[in-house]
Amino acid sequence: MGKPNIRLNPQIESVRNRVLFNKAIELLLSCTLLLPEPLYKGKGRRPYDYRIVLVLCILRVLFRKSYADYETEMRSDRRLIDMTKLNKLPCKSTINNYAFQFSLKLLSEFNRNLIDSWIKKPVDLLLDSSGIRLVGRSIWFCIKIKRNIRKKDCDKIHLAVSLCSLLIANFKISNSRRNDSPFLKKLLKPFSGILGLVLADKGYSGKKNAEYVLGKKGSFFCPFKSNADPDEFSLWNKLYKLWRVFPSLCENIYHQRSKIEAVFSALKRKYGDQLYSKKWFMRRREMAMRFIAYNIRIIVGIQIAREKNIPLWVRA
C-alpha cells in the first residue's frame, strides 16, 4: 500500500466527532426504508425487524465496539432506544445471530442506497485492491513433507471508489489467490450508462476490460504492460497509441488513482488491518460493514463541509 497524499480536513474531523452519533443513526434509518419489509407468517413471538438489527450491527462496527461493549454500553443507550422505537434493544447474541443472515448482496445494496445521492453522475471511479490479514492462521507442521507450511493469511478486498468524494461505490472480497483483472466487470456491473473516468493499475489492464468500460460509455485509463501487443484497428490499439503519443497527459490523468491509497489508509487505521472471525463468510460480512461505516464517516464529513463552506480534503 502506498502513502496517501491527501487527508480529511482537520477542521471537519473535529466537528464530526461531536455529531457523528446522531447523524449516523439518521443516515442509517433513512436507508433502511429502501430495503424490503420483513415477512412474518409464523406463530409465537414476532422477531426483530432485520433492518433495525442491521443498523445496530453497523453502528457497533462504526464505533469499534465489541459484542461485550455493545451489551454494556450501546444496548442501554437511551438515544438508540428512542430513535429505533423499541422498548428493549436486542442482546449481543441476537445481534450476532442476525449477522449470519446478512448476505453480501444485501450489504452491497444497502451501501448503494446510502451513497447514491452523494456521488455525482456520471461517476468517476478509482479501482484497486489490498489485503486484510486473518488472525488465527499460523505456521503448522506437515507430516507428509516434514516441514513447516504457511497458509495464505489474508483476504483481498477489491474497491471501486468515487474520485470526487472518495466514497466506496462498490466492493468485492475474495481470497488472496484471485487476480485483479476479472473483478473490474464485477465492480462496474451496478453502474449502467453513468460511467466517466475509470482509473486502474496494470493489474486490470486488458482488451476485454477496456471494451467493457467503453460499452458503459466510460473512459478507461490504465497503463499498458510491457508485453502488450494490441491488434490493429481495435479499441485496444487506439488506447495504446494515445498513451504513446500523449504520455504526459495520460499519466497526469492516471496518477489521480493514487487517491485510493487514502481510502485504504483510512480503513486500516480506523478499523484495523486484520479480521478475527473464524468463518470465512463472517469475515467478509464484517469487512463489508467496515466499508459502510467508512462511507458514513465521509458523508457526515461532506455535510459539515457544505455547511461551513470549507474543503473536505487537504494535502497530507
Protein backbone atom coordinates (compact mmCIF):
# COMPACT_ATOMS: atom_id res chain seq x y z
CA MET A 1 0.00 0.00 0.00
CA GLY A 2 1.42 3.39 -1.00
CA LYS A 3 1.47 6.54 1.08
CA PRO A 4 -1.66 8.73 0.75
CA ASN A 5 -1.09 12.31 -0.42
CA ILE A 6 -4.38 13.74 0.86
CA ARG A 7 -6.22 13.59 4.18
CA LEU A 8 -9.54 14.67 5.68
CA ASN A 9 -9.67 18.34 6.67
CA PRO A 10 -8.79 18.51 10.43
CA GLN A 11 -11.48 21.20 10.96
CA ILE A 12 -14.13 18.80 9.68
CA GLU A 13 -12.77 15.88 11.68
CA SER A 14 -13.05 17.75 14.99
CA VAL A 15 -16.69 18.71 14.32
CA ARG A 16 -17.60 15.26 13.01
CA ASN A 17 -16.52 13.55 16.21
CA ARG A 18 -19.16 15.54 18.13
CA VAL A 19 -22.11 14.98 15.80
CA LEU A 20 -21.30 11.55 14.35
CA PHE A 21 -23.64 9.52 16.58
CA ASN A 22 -26.88 11.38 15.78
CA LYS A 23 -26.12 11.92 12.10
CA ALA A 24 -25.05 8.31 11.60
CA ILE A 25 -28.30 6.97 13.07
CA GLU A 26 -30.35 9.34 10.88
CA LEU A 27 -28.49 8.22 7.73
CA LEU A 28 -28.82 4.53 8.53
CA LEU A 29 -32.50 4.65 9.45
CA SER A 30 -33.33 6.62 6.28
CA CYS A 31 -31.59 3.96 4.15
CA THR A 32 -33.40 1.07 5.83
CA LEU A 33 -36.70 2.43 4.46
CA LEU A 34 -35.48 1.48 0.97
CA LEU A 35 -34.97 -2.18 1.93
CA PRO A 36 -37.80 -4.74 1.59
CA GLU A 37 -40.07 -5.07 4.60
CA PRO A 38 -39.68 -8.29 6.63
CA LEU A 39 -42.27 -11.01 6.13
CA TYR A 40 -43.71 -12.81 9.15
CA LYS A 41 -46.13 -15.72 8.75
CA GLY A 42 -45.38 -17.91 11.74
CA LYS A 43 -46.69 -18.10 15.28
CA GLY A 44 -45.09 -17.11 18.54
CA ARG A 45 -43.07 -14.08 19.43
CA ARG A 46 -42.53 -11.74 16.50
CA PRO A 47 -38.81 -11.49 15.55
CA TYR A 48 -36.91 -8.23 15.43
CA ASP A 49 -37.04 -6.23 12.22
CA TYR A 50 -33.85 -7.25 10.38
CA ARG A 51 -33.42 -3.65 9.18
CA ILE A 52 -33.16 -2.33 12.75
CA VAL A 53 -30.71 -5.10 13.68
CA LEU A 54 -28.64 -4.25 10.59
CA VAL A 55 -28.42 -0.64 11.78
CA LEU A 56 -27.24 -1.81 15.20
CA CYS A 57 -24.63 -4.10 13.63
CA ILE A 58 -23.22 -1.27 11.52
CA LEU A 59 -23.20 1.11 14.49
CA ARG A 60 -21.24 -1.44 16.50
CA VAL A 61 -18.60 -1.57 13.76
CA LEU A 62 -18.71 2.21 13.22
CA PHE A 63 -17.80 2.94 16.84
CA ARG A 64 -15.43 -0.06 17.09
CA LYS A 65 -17.34 -1.82 19.85
CA SER A 66 -17.00 -5.49 20.67
CA TYR A 67 -20.10 -7.56 21.38
CA ALA A 68 -19.39 -7.20 25.10
CA ASP A 69 -19.16 -3.41 24.71
CA TYR A 70 -22.47 -3.42 22.84
CA GLU A 71 -24.13 -5.27 25.72
CA THR A 72 -22.82 -2.92 28.41
CA GLU A 73 -22.85 0.42 26.58
CA MET A 74 -24.99 0.56 23.43
CA ARG A 75 -27.89 -1.66 24.50
CA SER A 76 -28.84 0.68 27.34
CA ASP A 77 -28.28 3.90 25.38
CA ARG A 78 -31.49 5.93 25.59
CA ARG A 79 -30.79 7.69 22.28
CA LEU A 80 -30.72 4.37 20.41
CA ILE A 81 -33.87 3.14 22.13
CA ASP A 82 -35.77 6.33 21.27
CA MET A 83 -34.62 6.51 17.62
CA THR A 84 -35.30 2.82 16.89
CA LYS A 85 -38.66 3.00 18.76
CA LEU A 86 -38.01 -0.26 20.60
CA ASN A 87 -38.82 -0.87 24.24
CA LYS A 88 -35.70 -3.01 24.58
CA LEU A 89 -32.80 -3.46 22.18
CA PRO A 90 -31.74 -7.00 21.18
CA CYS A 91 -28.97 -8.65 23.16
CA LYS A 92 -25.47 -9.35 21.83
CA SER A 93 -26.34 -12.97 20.97
CA THR A 94 -29.28 -11.85 18.85
CA ILE A 95 -27.08 -9.29 17.09
CA ASN A 96 -24.52 -11.99 16.32
CA ASN A 97 -27.17 -14.47 15.10
CA TYR A 98 -28.73 -11.91 12.76
CA ALA A 99 -25.30 -11.02 11.38
CA PHE A 100 -25.09 -14.57 9.95
CA GLN A 101 -28.18 -13.83 7.82
CA PHE A 102 -26.93 -10.63 6.19
CA SER A 103 -25.63 -11.58 2.75
CA LEU A 104 -23.01 -9.58 0.86
CA LYS A 105 -25.69 -8.85 -1.74
CA LEU A 106 -27.87 -7.18 0.91
CA LEU A 107 -24.93 -5.19 2.30
CA SER A 108 -23.93 -4.06 -1.21
CA GLU A 109 -27.49 -2.91 -1.91
CA PHE A 110 -27.59 -1.05 1.40
CA ASN A 111 -24.28 0.65 0.56
CA ARG A 112 -25.56 1.77 -2.86
CA ASN A 113 -28.71 3.24 -1.28
CA LEU A 114 -26.52 5.07 1.23
CA ILE A 115 -24.21 6.78 -1.25
CA ASP A 116 -26.50 7.19 -4.28
CA SER A 117 -27.33 10.84 -3.65
CA TRP A 118 -23.77 11.74 -2.58
CA ILE A 119 -21.84 10.90 -5.75
CA LYS A 120 -22.14 12.92 -8.91
CA LYS A 121 -23.23 11.41 -12.23
CA PRO A 122 -21.51 10.31 -14.41
CA VAL A 123 -19.35 8.76 -11.72
CA ASP A 124 -15.54 8.74 -11.99
CA LEU A 125 -14.09 5.62 -10.37
CA LEU A 126 -10.74 4.52 -8.98
CA LEU A 127 -10.09 0.74 -8.88
CA ASP A 128 -7.57 -1.06 -6.71
CA SER A 129 -7.19 -3.95 -4.27
CA SER A 130 -5.46 -4.55 -0.96
CA GLY A 131 -5.01 -7.35 1.56
CA ILE A 132 -6.55 -7.79 5.02
CA ARG A 133 -4.79 -10.08 7.49
CA LEU A 134 -6.60 -13.04 9.03
CA VAL A 135 -5.82 -13.63 12.69
CA GLY A 136 -5.68 -17.29 13.70
CA ARG A 137 -3.77 -18.58 10.66
CA SER A 138 -0.36 -19.82 11.78
CA ILE A 139 2.56 -21.96 10.71
CA TRP A 140 1.85 -25.68 11.05
CA PHE A 141 3.97 -28.77 10.55
CA CYS A 142 3.11 -31.03 7.62
CA ILE A 143 3.87 -34.68 8.42
CA LYS A 144 3.84 -35.73 4.76
CA ILE A 145 6.65 -33.47 3.57
CA LYS A 146 8.14 -32.92 7.06
CA ARG A 147 8.42 -29.14 7.01
CA ASN A 148 6.54 -26.05 8.17
CA ILE A 149 3.88 -24.77 5.79
CA ARG A 150 2.47 -21.28 5.96
CA LYS A 151 -1.06 -20.94 4.61
CA LYS A 152 -2.23 -17.78 2.91
CA ASP A 153 -3.14 -15.49 5.77
CA CYS A 154 -5.07 -12.69 4.12
CA ASP A 155 -8.24 -11.88 2.19
CA LYS A 156 -8.18 -9.48 -0.75
CA ILE A 157 -10.58 -6.53 -0.96
CA HIS A 158 -11.41 -5.00 -4.36
CA LEU A 159 -12.79 -1.46 -4.26
CA ALA A 160 -14.37 0.97 -6.72
CA VAL A 161 -14.02 4.43 -5.16
CA SER A 162 -15.61 7.69 -6.33
CA LEU A 163 -12.93 10.13 -7.48
CA CYS A 164 -14.67 13.31 -6.29
CA SER A 165 -15.69 12.27 -2.75
CA LEU A 166 -13.63 9.07 -2.15
CA LEU A 167 -16.79 7.18 -1.18
CA ILE A 168 -16.67 3.41 -1.68
CA ALA A 169 -19.10 2.95 -4.57
CA ASN A 170 -18.81 -0.84 -4.79
CA PHE A 171 -16.75 -3.63 -3.28
CA LYS A 172 -15.88 -7.29 -3.67
CA ILE A 173 -13.98 -9.60 -1.33
CA SER A 174 -12.01 -12.67 -2.44
CA ASN A 175 -9.21 -14.93 -1.27
CA SER A 176 -5.61 -13.84 -1.74
CA ARG A 177 -5.02 -16.02 -4.81
CA ARG A 178 -7.51 -14.26 -7.08
CA ASN A 179 -6.26 -11.94 -9.82
CA ASP A 180 -7.50 -8.35 -10.03
CA SER A 181 -8.47 -8.20 -13.70
CA PRO A 182 -11.73 -10.26 -13.62
CA PHE A 183 -13.09 -8.08 -10.81
CA LEU A 184 -13.32 -4.96 -12.99
CA LYS A 185 -16.56 -6.18 -14.58
CA LYS A 186 -17.97 -7.18 -11.19
CA LEU A 187 -17.16 -3.79 -9.66
CA LEU A 188 -18.64 -1.82 -12.58
CA LYS A 189 -21.72 -4.01 -13.14
CA PRO A 190 -24.13 -1.86 -10.99
CA PHE A 191 -23.27 1.29 -12.99
CA SER A 192 -25.29 1.30 -16.20
CA GLY A 193 -24.54 4.12 -18.62
CA ILE A 194 -23.31 6.55 -15.94
CA LEU A 195 -19.55 5.99 -16.05
CA GLY A 196 -16.98 8.74 -16.54
CA LEU A 197 -13.28 8.11 -15.95
CA VAL A 198 -12.21 4.65 -14.80
CA LEU A 199 -8.65 4.70 -13.44
CA ALA A 200 -6.97 1.37 -12.68
CA ASP A 201 -3.45 -0.02 -12.38
CA LYS A 202 -1.76 -2.59 -14.60
CA GLY A 203 -3.48 -5.45 -12.80
CA TYR A 204 -6.72 -4.51 -14.60
CA SER A 205 -5.08 -3.91 -18.00
CA GLY A 206 -6.64 -5.86 -20.85
CA LYS A 207 -8.58 -5.60 -24.09
CA LYS A 208 -11.81 -7.07 -22.67
CA ASN A 209 -11.82 -4.68 -19.72
CA ALA A 210 -11.28 -1.67 -22.00
CA GLU A 211 -14.16 -2.72 -24.26
CA TYR A 212 -16.40 -3.31 -21.23
CA VAL A 213 -15.79 0.23 -19.93
CA LEU A 214 -16.43 1.67 -23.40
CA GLY A 215 -19.71 -0.27 -23.54
CA LYS A 216 -20.79 1.65 -20.43
CA LYS A 217 -19.76 4.96 -22.07
CA GLY A 218 -16.75 5.36 -19.80
CA SER A 219 -13.12 6.33 -20.42
CA PHE A 220 -10.58 3.67 -19.43
CA PHE A 221 -7.20 4.96 -18.23
CA CYS A 222 -4.84 2.12 -17.38
CA PRO A 223 -1.11 1.80 -18.17
CA PHE A 224 -0.08 -0.95 -20.54
CA LYS A 225 2.00 -3.94 -19.53
CA SER A 226 5.44 -4.38 -21.08
CA ASN A 227 4.27 -7.35 -23.17
CA ALA A 228 1.17 -5.59 -24.57
CA ASP A 229 0.64 -6.33 -28.29
CA PRO A 230 -2.64 -4.68 -29.41
CA ASP A 231 -4.40 -5.74 -32.61
CA GLU A 232 -4.56 -3.31 -35.49
CA PHE A 233 -7.75 -1.19 -35.90
CA SER A 234 -9.05 -2.17 -32.46
CA LEU A 235 -10.02 -0.03 -29.48
CA TRP A 236 -7.09 -1.50 -27.57
CA ASN A 237 -4.73 -0.32 -30.33
CA LYS A 238 -6.19 3.22 -30.23
CA LEU A 239 -5.64 3.44 -26.47
CA TYR A 240 -2.10 2.13 -26.92
CA LYS A 241 -1.35 4.88 -29.48
CA LEU A 242 -2.91 7.51 -27.20
CA TRP A 243 -0.52 6.56 -24.39
CA ARG A 244 2.45 6.63 -26.77
CA VAL A 245 1.60 9.96 -28.43
CA PHE A 246 0.46 11.83 -25.26
CA PRO A 247 2.27 10.07 -22.39
CA SER A 248 2.41 13.04 -20.02
CA LEU A 249 -1.31 13.84 -20.45
CA CYS A 250 -2.36 10.23 -19.86
CA GLU A 251 -0.09 9.84 -16.84
CA ASN A 252 -1.39 13.05 -15.25
CA ILE A 253 -4.94 11.72 -15.52
CA TYR A 254 -3.95 8.23 -14.42
CA HIS A 255 -2.00 9.37 -11.33
CA GLN A 256 -5.22 10.61 -9.72
CA ARG A 257 -5.65 6.91 -8.92
CA SER A 258 -3.20 7.41 -6.03
CA LYS A 259 -6.07 8.96 -4.05
CA ILE A 260 -7.45 5.49 -3.41
CA GLU A 261 -4.46 4.89 -1.13
CA ALA A 262 -6.05 7.42 1.26
CA VAL A 263 -9.13 5.17 1.42
CA PHE A 264 -7.10 2.05 2.25
CA SER A 265 -5.11 4.04 4.80
CA ALA A 266 -8.27 5.37 6.48
CA LEU A 267 -9.87 1.91 6.59
CA LYS A 268 -6.84 0.22 8.13
CA ARG A 269 -6.01 3.00 10.59
CA LYS A 270 -9.57 3.32 11.85
CA TYR A 271 -10.77 -0.27 11.84
CA GLY A 272 -7.51 -2.20 11.75
CA ASP A 273 -5.92 -4.33 9.04
CA GLN A 274 -6.99 -7.72 10.37
CA LEU A 275 -10.12 -9.85 10.74
CA TYR A 276 -10.76 -12.15 13.68
CA SER A 277 -13.77 -14.27 12.70
CA LYS A 278 -13.04 -17.96 12.13
CA LYS A 279 -15.67 -18.47 9.42
CA TRP A 280 -14.82 -17.00 6.03
CA PHE A 281 -18.32 -15.64 5.34
CA MET A 282 -18.42 -13.82 8.70
CA ARG A 283 -15.06 -12.21 7.94
CA ARG A 284 -16.44 -10.86 4.68
CA ARG A 285 -19.62 -9.56 6.29
CA GLU A 286 -17.51 -7.80 8.93
CA MET A 287 -15.37 -6.21 6.20
CA ALA A 288 -18.44 -5.11 4.23
CA MET A 289 -19.80 -3.38 7.35
CA ARG A 290 -16.47 -1.57 7.70
CA PHE A 291 -16.92 -0.21 4.18
CA ILE A 292 -20.39 1.08 5.08
CA ALA A 293 -19.07 2.57 8.33
CA TYR A 294 -16.32 4.36 6.37
CA ASN A 295 -18.90 5.78 3.93
CA ILE A 296 -20.99 7.10 6.83
CA ARG A 297 -17.99 8.98 8.20
CA ILE A 298 -17.29 10.51 4.78
CA ILE A 299 -20.94 11.50 4.19
CA VAL A 300 -21.11 13.22 7.58
CA GLY A 301 -17.87 15.00 6.63
CA ILE A 302 -19.42 16.13 3.33
CA GLN A 303 -22.42 17.53 5.20
CA ILE A 304 -20.15 19.52 7.52
CA ALA A 305 -18.00 20.76 4.61
CA ARG A 306 -21.09 22.09 2.83
CA GLU A 307 -22.42 23.76 5.99
CA LYS A 308 -19.12 25.50 6.74
CA ASN A 309 -18.11 26.02 3.09
CA ILE A 310 -14.64 24.50 3.54
CA PRO A 311 -12.82 21.81 1.52
CA LEU A 312 -13.37 18.20 2.53
CA TRP A 313 -9.86 17.01 1.62
CA VAL A 314 -6.48 18.72 2.13
CA ARG A 315 -2.88 17.79 1.40
CA ALA A 316 -1.41 15.21 3.80
